[in-house]
């Protein structure tokens, strides 16, 4: 099965995703959505919110099979974090 080919540079993809999140999605998500995943089709501005990113992706791509999907979490600029700190330990 072939994947969806990107139609934008990484920078444009991220810029569009963040702009749509701020303008369209943020006003419509509430405190109960904190830390849930938001998947946005950056071409149609359609989006899904769910604690399960696969479920949100499946619903969004069912409506927009060729969607250019940007993902992040409510309350964060990122969908995932890598690494981190162990607070209160000698490994800082």
PDB file of N, CA and C in Angstrom:
ATOM      1  N   UNK A   1       0.841  -1.184   0.000  1.00  0.00           N
ATOM      2  CA  UNK A   1       0.000   0.000   0.000  1.00  0.00           C
ATOM      3  C   UNK A   1       0.885   1.245   0.000  1.00  0.00           C
ATOM      4  N   UNK A   2       0.684   2.110  -0.931  1.00  0.00           N
ATOM      5  CA  UNK A   2       1.479   3.333  -1.047  1.00  0.00           C
ATOM      6  C   UNK A   2       0.991   4.372  -0.043  1.00  0.00           C
ATOM      7  N   UNK A   3       1.936   5.125   0.491  1.00  0.00           N
ATOM      8  CA  UNK A   3       1.586   6.183   1.432  1.00  0.00           C
ATOM      9  C   UNK A   3       1.181   7.452   0.698  1.00  0.00           C
ATOM     10  N   UNK A   4       0.732   8.406   1.465  1.00  0.00           N
ATOM     11  CA  UNK A   4       0.351   9.701   0.911  1.00  0.00           C
ATOM     12  C   UNK A   4       1.616  10.517   0.694  1.00  0.00           C
ATOM     13  N   UNK A   5       1.792  11.045  -0.476  1.00  0.00           N
ATOM     14  CA  UNK A   5       2.973  11.846  -0.800  1.00  0.00           C
ATOM     15  C   UNK A   5       2.823  13.261  -0.246  1.00  0.00           C
ATOM     16  N   UNK A   6       3.840  13.763   0.439  1.00  0.00           N
ATOM     17  CA  UNK A   6       3.775  15.143   0.929  1.00  0.00           C
ATOM     18  C   UNK A   6       3.760  16.136  -0.232  1.00  0.00           C
ATOM     19  N   UNK A   7       2.967  17.186  -0.067  1.00  0.00           N
ATOM     20  CA  UNK A   7       2.858  18.211  -1.107  1.00  0.00           C
ATOM     21  C   UNK A   7       3.451  19.546  -0.656  1.00  0.00           C
ATOM     22  N   UNK A   8       4.052  19.563   0.534  1.00  0.00           N
ATOM     23  CA  UNK A   8       4.586  20.799   1.097  1.00  0.00           C
ATOM     24  C   UNK A   8       5.947  20.513   1.713  1.00  0.00           C
ATOM     25  N   UNK A   9       6.756  21.552   1.844  1.00  0.00           N
ATOM     26  CA  UNK A   9       8.006  21.403   2.586  1.00  0.00           C
ATOM     27  C   UNK A   9       7.654  21.174   4.055  1.00  0.00           C
ATOM     28  N   UNK A  10       8.601  20.652   4.831  1.00  0.00           N
ATOM     29  CA  UNK A  10       8.365  20.438   6.259  1.00  0.00           C
ATOM     30  C   UNK A  10       8.015  21.754   6.951  1.00  0.00           C
ATOM     31  N   UNK A  11       8.690  22.820   6.554  1.00  0.00           N
ATOM     32  CA  UNK A  11       8.447  24.129   7.174  1.00  0.00           C
ATOM     33  C   UNK A  11       7.044  24.644   6.865  1.00  0.00           C
ATOM     34  N   UNK A  12       6.618  24.524   5.610  1.00  0.00           N
ATOM     35  CA  UNK A  12       5.281  24.975   5.227  1.00  0.00           C
ATOM     36  C   UNK A  12       4.214  24.109   5.879  1.00  0.00           C
ATOM     37  N   UNK A  13       4.462  22.828   5.944  1.00  0.00           N
ATOM     38  CA  UNK A  13       3.544  21.891   6.574  1.00  0.00           C
ATOM     39  C   UNK A  13       3.299  22.303   8.027  1.00  0.00           C
ATOM     40  N   UNK A  14       4.396  22.529   8.767  1.00  0.00           N
ATOM     41  CA  UNK A  14       4.305  22.920  10.172  1.00  0.00           C
ATOM     42  C   UNK A  14       3.657  24.290  10.330  1.00  0.00           C
ATOM     43  N   UNK A  15       4.025  25.239   9.486  1.00  0.00           N
ATOM     44  CA  UNK A  15       3.449  26.584   9.571  1.00  0.00           C
ATOM     45  C   UNK A  15       1.943  26.530   9.383  1.00  0.00           C
ATOM     46  N   UNK A  16       1.493  25.812   8.358  1.00  0.00           N
ATOM     47  CA  UNK A  16       0.054  25.706   8.085  1.00  0.00           C
ATOM     48  C   UNK A  16      -0.672  24.993   9.222  1.00  0.00           C
ATOM     49  N   UNK A  17      -0.081  23.893   9.714  1.00  0.00           N
ATOM     50  CA  UNK A  17      -0.708  23.145  10.806  1.00  0.00           C
ATOM     51  C   UNK A  17      -0.877  23.988  12.052  1.00  0.00           C
ATOM     52  N   UNK A  18       0.174  24.702  12.434  1.00  0.00           N
ATOM     53  CA  UNK A  18       0.106  25.556  13.621  1.00  0.00           C
ATOM     54  C   UNK A  18      -0.876  26.711  13.435  1.00  0.00           C
ATOM     55  N   UNK A  19      -0.888  27.302  12.258  1.00  0.00           N
ATOM     56  CA  UNK A  19      -1.803  28.419  11.994  1.00  0.00           C
ATOM     57  C   UNK A  19      -3.254  27.961  12.064  1.00  0.00           C
ATOM     58  N   UNK A  20      -3.563  26.829  11.482  1.00  0.00           N
ATOM     59  CA  UNK A  20      -4.936  26.298  11.520  1.00  0.00           C
ATOM     60  C   UNK A  20      -5.313  25.928  12.951  1.00  0.00           C
ATOM     61  N   UNK A  21      -4.367  25.344  13.693  1.00  0.00           N
ATOM     62  CA  UNK A  21      -4.646  25.011  15.085  1.00  0.00           C
ATOM     63  C   UNK A  21      -5.046  26.262  15.864  1.00  0.00           C
ATOM     64  N   UNK A  22      -4.258  27.318  15.743  1.00  0.00           N
ATOM     65  CA  UNK A  22      -4.531  28.550  16.502  1.00  0.00           C
ATOM     66  C   UNK A  22      -5.837  29.215  16.076  1.00  0.00           C
ATOM     67  N   UNK A  23      -6.111  29.248  14.780  1.00  0.00           N
ATOM     68  CA  UNK A  23      -7.272  29.969  14.259  1.00  0.00           C
ATOM     69  C   UNK A  23      -8.569  29.165  14.331  1.00  0.00           C
ATOM     70  N   UNK A  24      -8.507  27.872  14.045  1.00  0.00           N
ATOM     71  CA  UNK A  24      -9.724  27.062  13.906  1.00  0.00           C
ATOM     72  C   UNK A  24      -9.950  26.133  15.098  1.00  0.00           C
ATOM     73  N   UNK A  25      -8.912  25.433  15.511  1.00  0.00           N
ATOM     74  CA  UNK A  25      -9.078  24.373  16.504  1.00  0.00           C
ATOM     75  C   UNK A  25      -9.095  24.902  17.929  1.00  0.00           C
ATOM     76  N   UNK A  26      -8.101  25.717  18.305  1.00  0.00           N
ATOM     77  CA  UNK A  26      -7.994  26.170  19.698  1.00  0.00           C
ATOM     78  C   UNK A  26      -9.297  26.759  20.240  1.00  0.00           C
ATOM     79  N   UNK A  27     -10.021  27.599  19.501  1.00  0.00           N
ATOM     80  CA  UNK A  27     -11.272  28.133  20.047  1.00  0.00           C
ATOM     81  C   UNK A  27     -12.346  27.072  20.280  1.00  0.00           C
ATOM     82  N   UNK A  28     -12.182  25.881  19.713  1.00  0.00           N
ATOM     83  CA  UNK A  28     -13.210  24.848  19.807  1.00  0.00           C
ATOM     84  C   UNK A  28     -12.864  23.707  20.748  1.00  0.00           C
ATOM     85  N   UNK A  29     -11.650  23.694  21.294  1.00  0.00           N
ATOM     86  CA  UNK A  29     -11.292  22.650  22.250  1.00  0.00           C
ATOM     87  C   UNK A  29     -11.404  23.213  23.653  1.00  0.00           C
ATOM     88  N   UNK A  30     -11.726  22.337  24.603  1.00  0.00           N
ATOM     89  CA  UNK A  30     -11.966  22.772  25.972  1.00  0.00           C
ATOM     90  C   UNK A  30     -11.012  22.083  26.921  1.00  0.00           C
ATOM     91  N   UNK A  31     -11.088  22.438  28.195  1.00  0.00           N
ATOM     92  CA  UNK A  31     -10.209  21.866  29.207  1.00  0.00           C
ATOM     93  C   UNK A  31     -10.217  20.356  29.239  1.00  0.00           C
ATOM     94  N   UNK A  32     -11.353  19.760  28.984  1.00  0.00           N
ATOM     95  CA  UNK A  32     -11.444  18.293  28.992  1.00  0.00           C
ATOM     96  C   UNK A  32     -10.647  17.664  27.841  1.00  0.00           C
ATOM     97  N   UNK A  33     -10.291  18.476  26.849  1.00  0.00           N
ATOM     98  CA  UNK A  33      -9.513  17.992  25.716  1.00  0.00           C
ATOM     99  C   UNK A  33      -8.003  18.094  25.953  1.00  0.00           C
ATOM    100  N   UNK A  34      -7.610  18.670  27.087  1.00  0.00           N
ATOM    101  CA  UNK A  34      -6.189  18.853  27.391  1.00  0.00           C
ATOM    102  C   UNK A  34      -5.438  17.536  27.241  1.00  0.00           C
ATOM    103  N   UNK A  35      -4.313  17.599  26.531  1.00  0.00           N
ATOM    104  CA  UNK A  35      -3.424  16.473  26.259  1.00  0.00           C
ATOM    105  C   UNK A  35      -3.959  15.493  25.221  1.00  0.00           C
ATOM    106  N   UNK A  36      -5.146  15.736  24.665  1.00  0.00           N
ATOM    107  CA  UNK A  36      -5.629  14.881  23.587  1.00  0.00           C
ATOM    108  C   UNK A  36      -4.913  15.252  22.295  1.00  0.00           C
ATOM    109  N   UNK A  37      -4.899  14.312  21.367  1.00  0.00           N
ATOM    110  CA  UNK A  37      -4.292  14.553  20.066  1.00  0.00           C
ATOM    111  C   UNK A  37      -5.259  15.296  19.169  1.00  0.00           C
ATOM    112  N   UNK A  38      -4.724  16.215  18.382  1.00  0.00           N
ATOM    113  CA  UNK A  38      -5.490  16.912  17.350  1.00  0.00           C
ATOM    114  C   UNK A  38      -4.829  16.576  16.024  1.00  0.00           C
ATOM    115  N   UNK A  39      -5.592  16.042  15.092  1.00  0.00           N
ATOM    116  CA  UNK A  39      -5.098  15.764  13.751  1.00  0.00           C
ATOM    117  C   UNK A  39      -5.835  16.689  12.800  1.00  0.00           C
ATOM    118  N   UNK A  40      -5.087  17.445  12.014  1.00  0.00           N
ATOM    119  CA  UNK A  40      -5.635  18.489  11.147  1.00  0.00           C
ATOM    120  C   UNK A  40      -5.231  18.207   9.716  1.00  0.00           C
ATOM    121  N   UNK A  41      -6.202  18.220   8.806  1.00  0.00           N
ATOM    122  CA  UNK A  41      -5.884  18.190   7.377  1.00  0.00           C
ATOM    123  C   UNK A  41      -5.565  19.633   7.005  1.00  0.00           C
ATOM    124  N   UNK A  42      -4.316  19.912   6.660  1.00  0.00           N
ATOM    125  CA  UNK A  42      -3.889  21.299   6.436  1.00  0.00           C
ATOM    126  C   UNK A  42      -4.423  21.882   5.134  1.00  0.00           C
ATOM    127  N   UNK A  43      -5.072  21.078   4.313  1.00  0.00           N
ATOM    128  CA  UNK A  43      -5.666  21.603   3.082  1.00  0.00           C
ATOM    129  C   UNK A  43      -7.145  21.933   3.262  1.00  0.00           C
ATOM    130  N   UNK A  44      -7.882  21.086   3.975  1.00  0.00           N
ATOM    131  CA  UNK A  44      -9.324  21.316   4.137  1.00  0.00           C
ATOM    132  C   UNK A  44      -9.663  22.015   5.448  1.00  0.00           C
ATOM    133  N   UNK A  45      -8.717  22.037   6.406  1.00  0.00           N
ATOM    134  CA  UNK A  45      -8.896  22.560   7.755  1.00  0.00           C
ATOM    135  C   UNK A  45      -9.835  21.692   8.588  1.00  0.00           C
ATOM    136  N   UNK A  46     -10.176  20.502   8.104  1.00  0.00           N
ATOM    137  CA  UNK A  46     -10.954  19.529   8.849  1.00  0.00           C
ATOM    138  C   UNK A  46     -10.047  18.952   9.931  1.00  0.00           C
ATOM    139  N   UNK A  47     -10.615  18.574  11.085  1.00  0.00           N
ATOM    140  CA  UNK A  47      -9.783  18.035  12.150  1.00  0.00           C
ATOM    141  C   UNK A  47     -10.554  17.050  13.012  1.00  0.00           C
ATOM    142  N   UNK A  48      -9.803  16.276  13.782  1.00  0.00           N
ATOM    143  CA  UNK A  48     -10.335  15.325  14.755  1.00  0.00           C
ATOM    144  C   UNK A  48      -9.562  15.475  16.050  1.00  0.00           C
ATOM    145  N   UNK A  49     -10.242  15.270  17.175  1.00  0.00           N
ATOM    146  CA  UNK A  49      -9.629  15.325  18.498  1.00  0.00           C
ATOM    147  C   UNK A  49      -9.938  14.008  19.203  1.00  0.00           C
ATOM    148  N   UNK A  50      -8.914  13.374  19.766  1.00  0.00           N
ATOM    149  CA  UNK A  50      -9.124  12.102  20.467  1.00  0.00           C
ATOM    150  C   UNK A  50      -7.901  11.801  21.321  1.00  0.00           C
ATOM    151  N   UNK A  51      -8.092  11.062  22.395  1.00  0.00           N
ATOM    152  CA  UNK A  51      -6.950  10.635  23.208  1.00  0.00           C
ATOM    153  C   UNK A  51      -6.168   9.531  22.504  1.00  0.00           C
ATOM    154  N   UNK A  52      -6.770   8.919  21.497  1.00  0.00           N
ATOM    155  CA  UNK A  52      -6.121   7.870  20.689  1.00  0.00           C
ATOM    156  C   UNK A  52      -5.834   8.442  19.303  1.00  0.00           C
ATOM    157  N   UNK A  53      -4.539   8.702  18.997  1.00  0.00           N
ATOM    158  CA  UNK A  53      -4.201   9.338  17.723  1.00  0.00           C
ATOM    159  C   UNK A  53      -4.545   8.473  16.521  1.00  0.00           C
ATOM    160  N   UNK A  54      -4.547   7.145  16.678  1.00  0.00           N
ATOM    161  CA  UNK A  54      -4.898   6.256  15.564  1.00  0.00           C
ATOM    162  C   UNK A  54      -6.390   6.373  15.255  1.00  0.00           C
ATOM    163  N   UNK A  55      -7.222   6.409  16.285  1.00  0.00           N
ATOM    164  CA  UNK A  55      -8.666   6.554  16.078  1.00  0.00           C
ATOM    165  C   UNK A  55      -8.977   7.886  15.395  1.00  0.00           C
ATOM    166  N   UNK A  56      -8.331   8.964  15.858  1.00  0.00           N
ATOM    167  CA  UNK A  56      -8.541  10.277  15.241  1.00  0.00           C
ATOM    168  C   UNK A  56      -8.076  10.264  13.793  1.00  0.00           C
ATOM    169  N   UNK A  57      -6.926   9.654  13.550  1.00  0.00           N
ATOM    170  CA  UNK A  57      -6.398   9.572  12.188  1.00  0.00           C
ATOM    171  C   UNK A  57      -7.331   8.778  11.284  1.00  0.00           C
ATOM    172  N   UNK A  58      -7.818   7.649  11.767  1.00  0.00           N
ATOM    173  CA  UNK A  58      -8.726   6.825  10.964  1.00  0.00           C
ATOM    174  C   UNK A  58      -9.976   7.598  10.569  1.00  0.00           C
ATOM    175  N   UNK A  59     -10.562   8.338  11.522  1.00  0.00           N
ATOM    176  CA  UNK A  59     -11.780   9.110  11.215  1.00  0.00           C
ATOM    177  C   UNK A  59     -11.494  10.217  10.210  1.00  0.00           C
ATOM    178  N   UNK A  60     -10.380  10.938  10.403  1.00  0.00           N
ATOM    179  CA  UNK A  60     -10.039  12.043   9.510  1.00  0.00           C
ATOM    180  C   UNK A  60      -9.736  11.536   8.102  1.00  0.00           C
ATOM    181  N   UNK A  61      -8.939  10.482   8.010  1.00  0.00           N
ATOM    182  CA  UNK A  61      -8.582   9.957   6.689  1.00  0.00           C
ATOM    183  C   UNK A  61      -9.744   9.239   6.003  1.00  0.00           C
ATOM    184  N   UNK A  62     -10.735   8.788   6.762  1.00  0.00           N
ATOM    185  CA  UNK A  62     -11.938   8.222   6.144  1.00  0.00           C
ATOM    186  C   UNK A  62     -12.692   9.307   5.374  1.00  0.00           C
ATOM    187  N   UNK A  63     -12.669  10.540   5.902  1.00  0.00           N
ATOM    188  CA  UNK A  63     -13.331  11.664   5.225  1.00  0.00           C
ATOM    189  C   UNK A  63     -12.454  12.279   4.151  1.00  0.00           C
ATOM    190  N   UNK A  64     -11.132  12.291   4.384  1.00  0.00           N
ATOM    191  CA  UNK A  64     -10.180  12.941   3.477  1.00  0.00           C
ATOM    192  C   UNK A  64      -9.026  11.975   3.190  1.00  0.00           C
ATOM    193  N   UNK A  65      -9.234  10.983   2.329  1.00  0.00           N
ATOM    194  CA  UNK A  65      -8.222   9.938   2.119  1.00  0.00           C
ATOM    195  C   UNK A  65      -6.854  10.453   1.660  1.00  0.00           C
ATOM    196  N   UNK A  66      -6.805  11.582   0.986  1.00  0.00           N
ATOM    197  CA  UNK A  66      -5.534  12.140   0.528  1.00  0.00           C
ATOM    198  C   UNK A  66      -5.079  13.292   1.409  1.00  0.00           C
ATOM    199  N   UNK A  67      -5.604  13.364   2.634  1.00  0.00           N
ATOM    200  CA  UNK A  67      -5.308  14.480   3.521  1.00  0.00           C
ATOM    201  C   UNK A  67      -3.836  14.627   3.850  1.00  0.00           C
ATOM    202  N   UNK A  68      -3.439  15.861   4.052  1.00  0.00           N
ATOM    203  CA  UNK A  68      -2.092  16.204   4.506  1.00  0.00           C
ATOM    204  C   UNK A  68      -2.244  16.507   5.995  1.00  0.00           C
ATOM    205  N   UNK A  69      -1.936  15.520   6.836  1.00  0.00           N
ATOM    206  CA  UNK A  69      -2.324  15.554   8.244  1.00  0.00           C
ATOM    207  C   UNK A  69      -1.183  16.019   9.150  1.00  0.00           C
ATOM    208  N   UNK A  70      -1.480  17.047   9.936  1.00  0.00           N
ATOM    209  CA  UNK A  70      -0.584  17.601  10.953  1.00  0.00           C
ATOM    210  C   UNK A  70      -1.128  17.171  12.304  1.00  0.00           C
ATOM    211  N   UNK A  71      -0.257  16.729  13.219  1.00  0.00           N
ATOM    212  CA  UNK A  71      -0.707  16.254  14.519  1.00  0.00           C
ATOM    213  C   UNK A  71       0.012  16.996  15.638  1.00  0.00           C
ATOM    214  N   UNK A  72      -0.743  17.329  16.662  1.00  0.00           N
ATOM    215  CA  UNK A  72      -0.181  17.881  17.885  1.00  0.00           C
ATOM    216  C   UNK A  72      -1.144  17.613  19.019  1.00  0.00           C
ATOM    217  N   UNK A  73      -0.772  17.980  20.231  1.00  0.00           N
ATOM    218  CA  UNK A  73      -1.650  17.789  21.389  1.00  0.00           C
ATOM    219  C   UNK A  73      -2.239  19.123  21.826  1.00  0.00           C
ATOM    220  N   UNK A  74      -3.440  19.057  22.367  1.00  0.00           N
ATOM    221  CA  UNK A  74      -4.050  20.239  22.973  1.00  0.00           C
ATOM    222  C   UNK A  74      -3.196  20.590  24.187  1.00  0.00           C
ATOM    223  N   UNK A  75      -2.808  21.837  24.286  1.00  0.00           N
ATOM    224  CA  UNK A  75      -2.000  22.301  25.403  1.00  0.00           C
ATOM    225  C   UNK A  75      -0.501  22.167  25.190  1.00  0.00           C
ATOM    226  N   UNK A  76      -0.090  21.750  23.995  1.00  0.00           N
ATOM    227  CA  UNK A  76       1.320  21.591  23.701  1.00  0.00           C
ATOM    228  C   UNK A  76       1.579  21.942  22.243  1.00  0.00           C
ATOM    229  N   UNK A  77       2.794  22.340  21.925  1.00  0.00           N
ATOM    230  CA  UNK A  77       3.141  22.601  20.522  1.00  0.00           C
ATOM    231  C   UNK A  77       3.520  21.322  19.801  1.00  0.00           C
ATOM    232  N   UNK A  78       3.618  20.217  20.555  1.00  0.00           N
ATOM    233  CA  UNK A  78       4.132  18.971  19.993  1.00  0.00           C
ATOM    234  C   UNK A  78       3.159  17.830  20.234  1.00  0.00           C
ATOM    235  N   UNK A  79       3.269  16.802  19.406  1.00  0.00           N
ATOM    236  CA  UNK A  79       2.466  15.601  19.607  1.00  0.00           C
ATOM    237  C   UNK A  79       3.155  14.641  20.564  1.00  0.00           C
ATOM    238  N   UNK A  80       4.457  14.581  20.492  1.00  0.00           N
ATOM    239  CA  UNK A  80       5.253  13.667  21.316  1.00  0.00           C
ATOM    240  C   UNK A  80       6.479  14.399  21.850  1.00  0.00           C
ATOM    241  N   UNK A  81       7.031  13.882  22.931  1.00  0.00           N
ATOM    242  CA  UNK A  81       8.306  14.408  23.416  1.00  0.00           C
ATOM    243  C   UNK A  81       9.285  13.252  23.530  1.00  0.00           C
ATOM    244  N   UNK A  82      10.530  13.540  23.299  1.00  0.00           N
ATOM    245  CA  UNK A  82      11.578  12.541  23.370  1.00  0.00           C
ATOM    246  C   UNK A  82      12.603  12.981  24.388  1.00  0.00           C
ATOM    247  N   UNK A  83      13.054  12.066  25.199  1.00  0.00           N
ATOM    248  CA  UNK A  83      14.026  12.425  26.221  1.00  0.00           C
ATOM    249  C   UNK A  83      13.338  13.100  27.383  1.00  0.00           C
ATOM    250  N   UNK A  84      14.058  13.915  28.063  1.00  0.00           N
ATOM    251  CA  UNK A  84      13.479  14.630  29.185  1.00  0.00           C
ATOM    252  C   UNK A  84      14.440  14.654  30.346  1.00  0.00           C
ATOM    253  N   UNK A  85      13.975  15.143  31.450  1.00  0.00           N
ATOM    254  CA  UNK A  85      14.797  15.246  32.642  1.00  0.00           C
ATOM    255  C   UNK A  85      14.204  14.389  33.743  1.00  0.00           C
ATOM    256  N   UNK A  86      15.083  13.934  34.584  1.00  0.00           N
ATOM    257  CA  UNK A  86      14.660  13.267  35.807  1.00  0.00           C
ATOM    258  C   UNK A  86      14.892  14.274  36.919  1.00  0.00           C
ATOM    259  N   UNK A  87      13.819  14.888  37.410  1.00  0.00           N
ATOM    260  CA  UNK A  87      13.953  15.928  38.410  1.00  0.00           C
ATOM    261  C   UNK A  87      14.276  15.318  39.761  1.00  0.00           C
ATOM    262  N   UNK A  88      15.113  16.019  40.527  1.00  0.00           N
ATOM    263  CA  UNK A  88      15.478  15.585  41.850  1.00  0.00           C
ATOM    264  C   UNK A  88      16.528  14.478  41.846  1.00  0.00           C
ATOM    265  N   UNK A  89      17.178  14.277  40.716  1.00  0.00           N
ATOM    266  CA  UNK A  89      18.204  13.242  40.698  1.00  0.00           C
ATOM    267  C   UNK A  89      19.542  13.864  40.293  1.00  0.00           C
ATOM    268  N   UNK A  90      20.570  13.066  40.369  1.00  0.00           N
ATOM    269  CA  UNK A  90      21.897  13.550  39.982  1.00  0.00           C
ATOM    270  C   UNK A  90      22.079  13.576  38.471  1.00  0.00           C
ATOM    271  N   UNK A  91      21.135  13.083  37.699  1.00  0.00           N
ATOM    272  CA  UNK A  91      21.244  12.998  36.235  1.00  0.00           C
ATOM    273  C   UNK A  91      20.600  14.202  35.570  1.00  0.00           C
ATOM    274  N   UNK A  92      21.049  15.364  35.829  1.00  0.00           N
ATOM    275  CA  UNK A  92      20.475  16.569  35.220  1.00  0.00           C
ATOM    276  C   UNK A  92      21.281  17.010  34.053  1.00  0.00           C
TER     277      UNK A  92
END
